């Protein structure tokens, strides 16, 4: 599963952001690259079977703190 993930993301990362950089859209290239990195990180963690903690508890805590 991890090998498929690496191959798919390698293809997507080569094709998608490179076209933006070639068109001269540097800001879009950087945003796309960061989002690809976040997406890859989450997909890798899920493919390895690791558990991702839910962010709902800290969000509820901060909302209660605000009000």
N, C-alpha and C. Protein backbone atom coordinates (compact mmCIF):
# COMPACT_ATOMS: atom_id res chain seq x y z
N UNK A 1 0.83 -1.19 0.00
CA UNK A 1 0.00 0.00 0.00
C UNK A 1 0.87 1.26 0.00
N UNK A 2 1.93 1.22 0.77
CA UNK A 2 2.82 2.39 0.86
C UNK A 2 3.52 2.64 -0.47
N UNK A 3 3.87 1.58 -1.17
CA UNK A 3 4.54 1.74 -2.47
C UNK A 3 3.60 2.38 -3.48
N UNK A 4 2.34 1.94 -3.49
CA UNK A 4 1.35 2.56 -4.39
C UNK A 4 1.18 4.03 -4.05
N UNK A 5 1.13 4.32 -2.79
CA UNK A 5 0.98 5.71 -2.34
C UNK A 5 2.15 6.57 -2.82
N UNK A 6 3.35 6.07 -2.68
CA UNK A 6 4.53 6.81 -3.12
C UNK A 6 4.53 7.03 -4.63
N UNK A 7 4.15 6.01 -5.38
CA UNK A 7 4.12 6.14 -6.84
C UNK A 7 3.07 7.15 -7.29
N UNK A 8 1.89 7.07 -6.72
CA UNK A 8 0.81 7.99 -7.11
C UNK A 8 1.18 9.43 -6.76
N UNK A 9 1.69 9.65 -5.56
CA UNK A 9 2.05 11.01 -5.18
C UNK A 9 3.24 11.52 -5.99
N UNK A 10 4.16 10.66 -6.36
CA UNK A 10 5.29 11.10 -7.19
C UNK A 10 4.78 11.61 -8.54
N UNK A 11 3.83 10.91 -9.12
CA UNK A 11 3.27 11.33 -10.40
C UNK A 11 2.51 12.64 -10.25
N UNK A 12 1.69 12.74 -9.20
CA UNK A 12 0.89 13.95 -9.00
C UNK A 12 1.79 15.15 -8.72
N UNK A 13 2.81 14.98 -7.92
CA UNK A 13 3.68 16.09 -7.56
C UNK A 13 4.52 16.55 -8.75
N UNK A 14 4.89 15.63 -9.62
CA UNK A 14 5.66 16.03 -10.80
C UNK A 14 4.79 16.80 -11.79
N UNK A 15 3.56 16.34 -11.99
CA UNK A 15 2.70 16.94 -13.01
C UNK A 15 2.03 18.23 -12.53
N UNK A 16 1.41 18.21 -11.37
CA UNK A 16 0.56 19.33 -10.95
C UNK A 16 1.33 20.61 -10.61
N UNK A 17 2.19 20.63 -9.60
CA UNK A 17 2.86 21.88 -9.27
C UNK A 17 3.83 22.37 -10.34
N UNK A 18 4.42 21.47 -11.09
CA UNK A 18 5.40 21.89 -12.11
C UNK A 18 4.73 22.75 -13.18
N UNK A 19 3.49 22.42 -13.53
CA UNK A 19 2.76 23.23 -14.51
C UNK A 19 2.52 24.64 -14.01
N UNK A 20 2.23 24.77 -12.72
CA UNK A 20 2.03 26.11 -12.15
C UNK A 20 3.32 26.93 -12.17
N UNK A 21 4.41 26.30 -11.85
CA UNK A 21 5.70 27.00 -11.86
C UNK A 21 6.08 27.41 -13.28
N UNK A 22 5.77 26.54 -14.23
CA UNK A 22 6.08 26.82 -15.63
C UNK A 22 5.26 28.00 -16.16
N UNK A 23 4.04 28.18 -15.62
CA UNK A 23 3.19 29.30 -16.03
C UNK A 23 3.56 30.60 -15.31
N UNK A 24 4.45 30.52 -14.36
CA UNK A 24 4.89 31.72 -13.64
C UNK A 24 4.04 32.04 -12.43
N UNK A 25 3.25 31.11 -11.96
CA UNK A 25 2.39 31.32 -10.79
C UNK A 25 3.11 30.76 -9.56
N UNK A 26 4.04 31.55 -9.04
CA UNK A 26 4.86 31.08 -7.92
C UNK A 26 4.05 30.89 -6.65
N UNK A 27 3.15 31.83 -6.34
CA UNK A 27 2.36 31.72 -5.12
C UNK A 27 1.48 30.48 -5.16
N UNK A 28 0.84 30.23 -6.29
CA UNK A 28 0.02 29.04 -6.44
C UNK A 28 0.86 27.77 -6.34
N UNK A 29 2.08 27.83 -6.87
CA UNK A 29 2.98 26.69 -6.78
C UNK A 29 3.31 26.36 -5.32
N UNK A 30 3.60 27.38 -4.53
CA UNK A 30 3.94 27.15 -3.12
C UNK A 30 2.74 26.64 -2.33
N UNK A 31 1.57 27.20 -2.58
CA UNK A 31 0.36 26.73 -1.88
C UNK A 31 0.06 25.29 -2.26
N UNK A 32 0.14 24.99 -3.53
CA UNK A 32 -0.11 23.62 -4.00
C UNK A 32 0.91 22.64 -3.41
N UNK A 33 2.15 23.05 -3.34
CA UNK A 33 3.20 22.19 -2.78
C UNK A 33 2.96 21.91 -1.30
N UNK A 34 2.57 22.92 -0.56
CA UNK A 34 2.30 22.72 0.87
C UNK A 34 1.09 21.81 1.06
N UNK A 35 0.04 22.02 0.28
CA UNK A 35 -1.14 21.17 0.39
C UNK A 35 -0.85 19.74 -0.02
N UNK A 36 -0.01 19.55 -1.03
CA UNK A 36 0.40 18.19 -1.42
C UNK A 36 1.19 17.53 -0.30
N UNK A 37 2.05 18.29 0.36
CA UNK A 37 2.83 17.74 1.47
C UNK A 37 1.93 17.33 2.64
N UNK A 38 0.97 18.16 2.97
CA UNK A 38 0.03 17.83 4.05
C UNK A 38 -0.79 16.60 3.67
N UNK A 39 -1.28 16.58 2.45
CA UNK A 39 -2.07 15.44 1.98
C UNK A 39 -1.25 14.16 1.98
N UNK A 40 -0.01 14.24 1.52
CA UNK A 40 0.86 13.06 1.52
C UNK A 40 1.13 12.58 2.94
N UNK A 41 1.36 13.51 3.84
CA UNK A 41 1.64 13.13 5.23
C UNK A 41 0.46 12.39 5.84
N UNK A 42 -0.74 12.90 5.64
CA UNK A 42 -1.93 12.23 6.18
C UNK A 42 -2.15 10.88 5.52
N UNK A 43 -1.98 10.79 4.22
CA UNK A 43 -2.16 9.52 3.52
C UNK A 43 -1.12 8.49 3.97
N UNK A 44 0.11 8.94 4.19
CA UNK A 44 1.16 8.03 4.65
C UNK A 44 0.87 7.50 6.04
N UNK A 45 0.43 8.39 6.92
CA UNK A 45 0.11 7.98 8.29
C UNK A 45 -1.04 6.97 8.29
N UNK A 46 -2.05 7.22 7.48
CA UNK A 46 -3.18 6.30 7.40
C UNK A 46 -2.79 4.96 6.77
N UNK A 47 -1.92 4.98 5.77
CA UNK A 47 -1.51 3.73 5.14
C UNK A 47 -0.62 2.90 6.06
N UNK A 48 0.08 3.55 6.98
CA UNK A 48 0.91 2.82 7.94
C UNK A 48 0.08 2.25 9.08
N UNK A 49 -1.18 2.67 9.18
CA UNK A 49 -2.05 2.15 10.22
C UNK A 49 -1.95 2.89 11.54
N UNK A 50 -1.29 4.02 11.54
CA UNK A 50 -1.18 4.81 12.75
C UNK A 50 -2.48 5.57 12.98
N UNK A 51 -2.80 5.82 14.22
CA UNK A 51 -4.03 6.56 14.54
C UNK A 51 -3.74 8.05 14.60
N UNK A 52 -4.65 8.82 14.02
CA UNK A 52 -4.54 10.27 14.04
C UNK A 52 -5.48 10.77 15.13
N UNK A 53 -4.98 11.53 16.11
CA UNK A 53 -5.86 12.01 17.17
C UNK A 53 -6.89 13.01 16.62
N UNK A 54 -8.04 12.96 17.20
CA UNK A 54 -9.11 13.86 16.78
C UNK A 54 -8.83 15.28 17.28
N UNK A 55 -8.99 16.28 16.42
CA UNK A 55 -8.75 17.65 16.86
C UNK A 55 -9.97 18.28 17.54
N UNK A 56 -11.04 17.51 17.73
CA UNK A 56 -12.26 18.10 18.26
C UNK A 56 -12.12 18.54 19.72
N UNK A 57 -11.39 17.82 20.53
CA UNK A 57 -11.24 18.20 21.93
C UNK A 57 -10.56 19.56 22.11
N UNK A 58 -9.43 19.81 21.45
CA UNK A 58 -8.83 21.15 21.58
C UNK A 58 -9.71 22.25 21.01
N UNK A 59 -10.43 21.95 19.93
CA UNK A 59 -11.31 22.96 19.34
C UNK A 59 -12.43 23.32 20.31
N UNK A 60 -13.03 22.32 20.92
CA UNK A 60 -14.09 22.56 21.91
C UNK A 60 -13.54 23.36 23.08
N UNK A 61 -12.33 23.02 23.52
CA UNK A 61 -11.70 23.73 24.63
C UNK A 61 -11.50 25.21 24.30
N UNK A 62 -11.00 25.51 23.10
CA UNK A 62 -10.76 26.90 22.70
C UNK A 62 -12.05 27.67 22.51
N UNK A 63 -13.09 27.02 22.01
CA UNK A 63 -14.37 27.71 21.84
C UNK A 63 -14.98 28.04 23.20
N UNK A 64 -14.89 27.10 24.15
CA UNK A 64 -15.40 27.37 25.51
C UNK A 64 -14.60 28.48 26.18
N UNK A 65 -13.31 28.55 25.88
CA UNK A 65 -12.49 29.61 26.44
C UNK A 65 -12.88 30.98 25.91
N UNK A 66 -13.26 31.02 24.64
CA UNK A 66 -13.66 32.29 24.01
C UNK A 66 -14.98 32.80 24.57
N UNK A 67 -15.91 31.89 24.83
CA UNK A 67 -17.23 32.31 25.31
C UNK A 67 -17.35 31.97 26.75
